Protein backbone atom coordinates (compact mmCIF):
# COMPACT_ATOMS: atom_id res chain seq x y z
CA UNK A 1 -20.15 -7.39 -19.81
CA UNK A 2 -17.85 -8.61 -17.05
CA UNK A 3 -19.31 -8.59 -13.57
CA UNK A 4 -17.78 -9.65 -10.25
CA UNK A 5 -20.04 -9.80 -7.20
CA UNK A 6 -18.50 -10.31 -3.77
CA UNK A 7 -20.46 -11.48 -0.74
CA UNK A 8 -19.94 -12.90 2.71
CA UNK A 9 -18.49 -9.95 4.54
CA UNK A 10 -19.63 -9.42 8.12
CA UNK A 11 -18.72 -8.30 11.62
CA UNK A 12 -16.91 -11.07 13.46
CA UNK A 13 -14.94 -11.41 16.68
CA UNK A 14 -11.21 -11.97 16.68
CA UNK A 15 -10.42 -15.65 16.29
CA UNK A 16 -13.54 -16.25 14.24
CA UNK A 17 -13.99 -17.38 10.65
CA UNK A 18 -15.68 -16.11 7.50
CA UNK A 19 -15.99 -17.32 3.94
CA UNK A 20 -16.12 -14.75 1.14
CA UNK A 21 -17.47 -15.56 -2.30
CA UNK A 22 -16.98 -13.83 -5.65
CA UNK A 23 -19.33 -14.81 -8.45
CA UNK A 24 -18.10 -13.97 -11.94
CA UNK A 25 -20.00 -13.52 -15.17
CA UNK A 26 -19.11 -12.30 -18.64
CA UNK A 27 -15.78 -14.18 -18.69
CA UNK A 28 -14.68 -17.71 -19.53
CA UNK A 29 -14.09 -18.35 -15.87
CA UNK A 30 -12.07 -21.56 -16.18
CA UNK A 31 -9.43 -19.71 -18.23
CA UNK A 32 -9.04 -16.78 -15.84
CA UNK A 33 -6.88 -16.23 -12.80
CA UNK A 34 -8.68 -14.77 -9.78
CA UNK A 35 -7.49 -12.81 -6.79
CA UNK A 36 -8.68 -11.28 -3.54
CA UNK A 37 -7.44 -7.87 -2.52
CA UNK A 38 -8.27 -5.78 0.52
CA UNK A 39 -8.13 -2.12 1.44
CA UNK A 40 -8.22 -0.83 4.99
CA UNK A 41 -9.05 2.82 5.77
CA UNK A 42 -6.12 5.05 4.98
CA UNK A 43 -4.11 2.23 3.43
CA UNK A 44 -3.34 1.07 -0.08
CA UNK A 45 -5.08 -1.88 -1.61
CA UNK A 46 -3.05 -5.06 -1.07
CA UNK A 47 -3.04 -8.58 -2.42
CA UNK A 48 -4.51 -11.17 -0.06
CA UNK A 49 -4.50 -14.30 -2.23
CA UNK A 50 -4.57 -15.32 -5.87
CA UNK A 51 -5.34 -18.51 -7.75
CA UNK A 52 -4.45 -19.39 -11.33
CA UNK A 53 -6.69 -21.17 -13.81
CA UNK A 54 -4.73 -24.33 -13.01
CA UNK A 55 -5.06 -23.96 -9.25
CA UNK A 56 -1.68 -22.50 -8.33
CA UNK A 57 -1.93 -20.11 -5.40
CA UNK A 58 -0.16 -17.11 -3.96
CA UNK A 59 -0.72 -15.65 -0.48
CA UNK A 60 0.32 -12.54 1.35
CA UNK A 61 2.67 -13.41 4.21
CA UNK A 62 0.23 -11.90 6.68
CA UNK A 63 -2.48 -14.46 5.86
CA UNK A 64 -0.47 -17.61 5.17
CA UNK A 65 -1.74 -20.51 7.25
CA UNK A 66 -4.98 -18.68 8.09
CA UNK A 67 -6.66 -17.98 4.72
CA UNK A 68 -7.37 -20.35 1.84
CA UNK A 69 -8.37 -19.37 -1.69
CA UNK A 70 -10.25 -21.85 -3.85
CA UNK A 71 -12.37 -21.87 -6.98
CA UNK A 72 -15.30 -23.78 -8.42
CA UNK A 73 -15.37 -23.52 -12.20
CA UNK A 74 -18.81 -25.10 -12.41
CA UNK A 75 -20.23 -22.20 -10.38
CA UNK A 76 -17.90 -19.49 -11.77
CA UNK A 77 -17.04 -18.64 -8.19
CA UNK A 78 -13.88 -18.03 -6.19
CA UNK A 79 -13.84 -18.31 -2.41
CA UNK A 80 -11.71 -17.00 0.41
CA UNK A 81 -11.91 -19.00 3.61
CA UNK A 82 -10.63 -16.84 6.46
CA UNK A 83 -9.82 -18.45 9.80
CA UNK A 84 -8.25 -17.10 12.99
CA UNK A 85 -9.27 -13.60 12.03
CA UNK A 86 -7.46 -10.64 13.56
CA UNK A 87 -8.51 -7.01 13.95
CA UNK A 88 -5.87 -6.09 11.37
CA UNK A 89 -7.81 -8.13 8.79
CA UNK A 90 -10.52 -5.46 8.90
CA UNK A 91 -10.92 -4.06 5.38
CA UNK A 92 -13.06 -3.99 2.28
CA UNK A 93 -12.28 -7.14 0.30
CA UNK A 94 -12.32 -6.99 -3.50
CA UNK A 95 -12.25 -9.60 -6.25
CA UNK A 96 -10.04 -9.16 -9.32
CA UNK A 97 -9.64 -11.18 -12.50
CA UNK A 98 -7.46 -11.44 -15.58
CA UNK A 99 -6.25 -14.14 -17.94
CA UNK A 100 -2.71 -14.15 -16.59
CA UNK A 101 -1.80 -15.12 -13.04
CA UNK A 102 0.98 -12.56 -13.00
CA UNK A 103 -1.51 -9.84 -13.89
CA UNK A 104 -3.82 -10.50 -10.95
CA UNK A 105 -0.88 -10.90 -8.58
CA UNK A 106 0.22 -7.44 -9.66
CA UNK A 107 -3.29 -6.08 -9.17
CA UNK A 108 -3.50 -5.09 -12.81
CA UNK A 109 -6.61 -7.02 -13.80
CA UNK A 110 -9.14 -4.88 -15.63
CA UNK A 111 -12.14 -6.02 -13.66
CA UNK A 112 -12.99 -5.42 -10.00
CA UNK A 113 -16.01 -6.15 -7.89
CA UNK A 114 -17.75 -3.63 -5.63
CA UNK A 115 -16.21 -5.07 -2.47
CA UNK A 116 -17.51 -6.62 0.73
CA UNK A 117 -16.79 -5.27 4.22
CA UNK A 118 -15.05 -7.46 6.78
CA UNK A 119 -14.80 -6.09 10.30
CA UNK A 120 -12.98 -7.99 13.04
CA UNK A 121 -13.57 -6.81 16.59
CA UNK A 122 -11.04 -7.37 19.35
């Protein structure tokens, strides 16, 4: 059974930093691509960042230079380091996984976590 568990969400002031974690189980983690998505109230879910099994990355233009995605295969965990946070980063952040990088970039991975809330106050 595949399970993705996100953590690390919090209330933070604009300009602050947070690190999100997504722990995966039930998959051969080192072979899977991973991605972070977010959904703000009244908006569609959007890609934030993705990382392939080989470490290639893809970022939304809105977070380039501020967010960094990374993975630790030993711990079956993917991270999202978020710096210089803005109020518009407020959303529920979700983890997604699939074998193919193109699949997670498209948001078509079969498995999603429950999400973690990030709120950035101005």
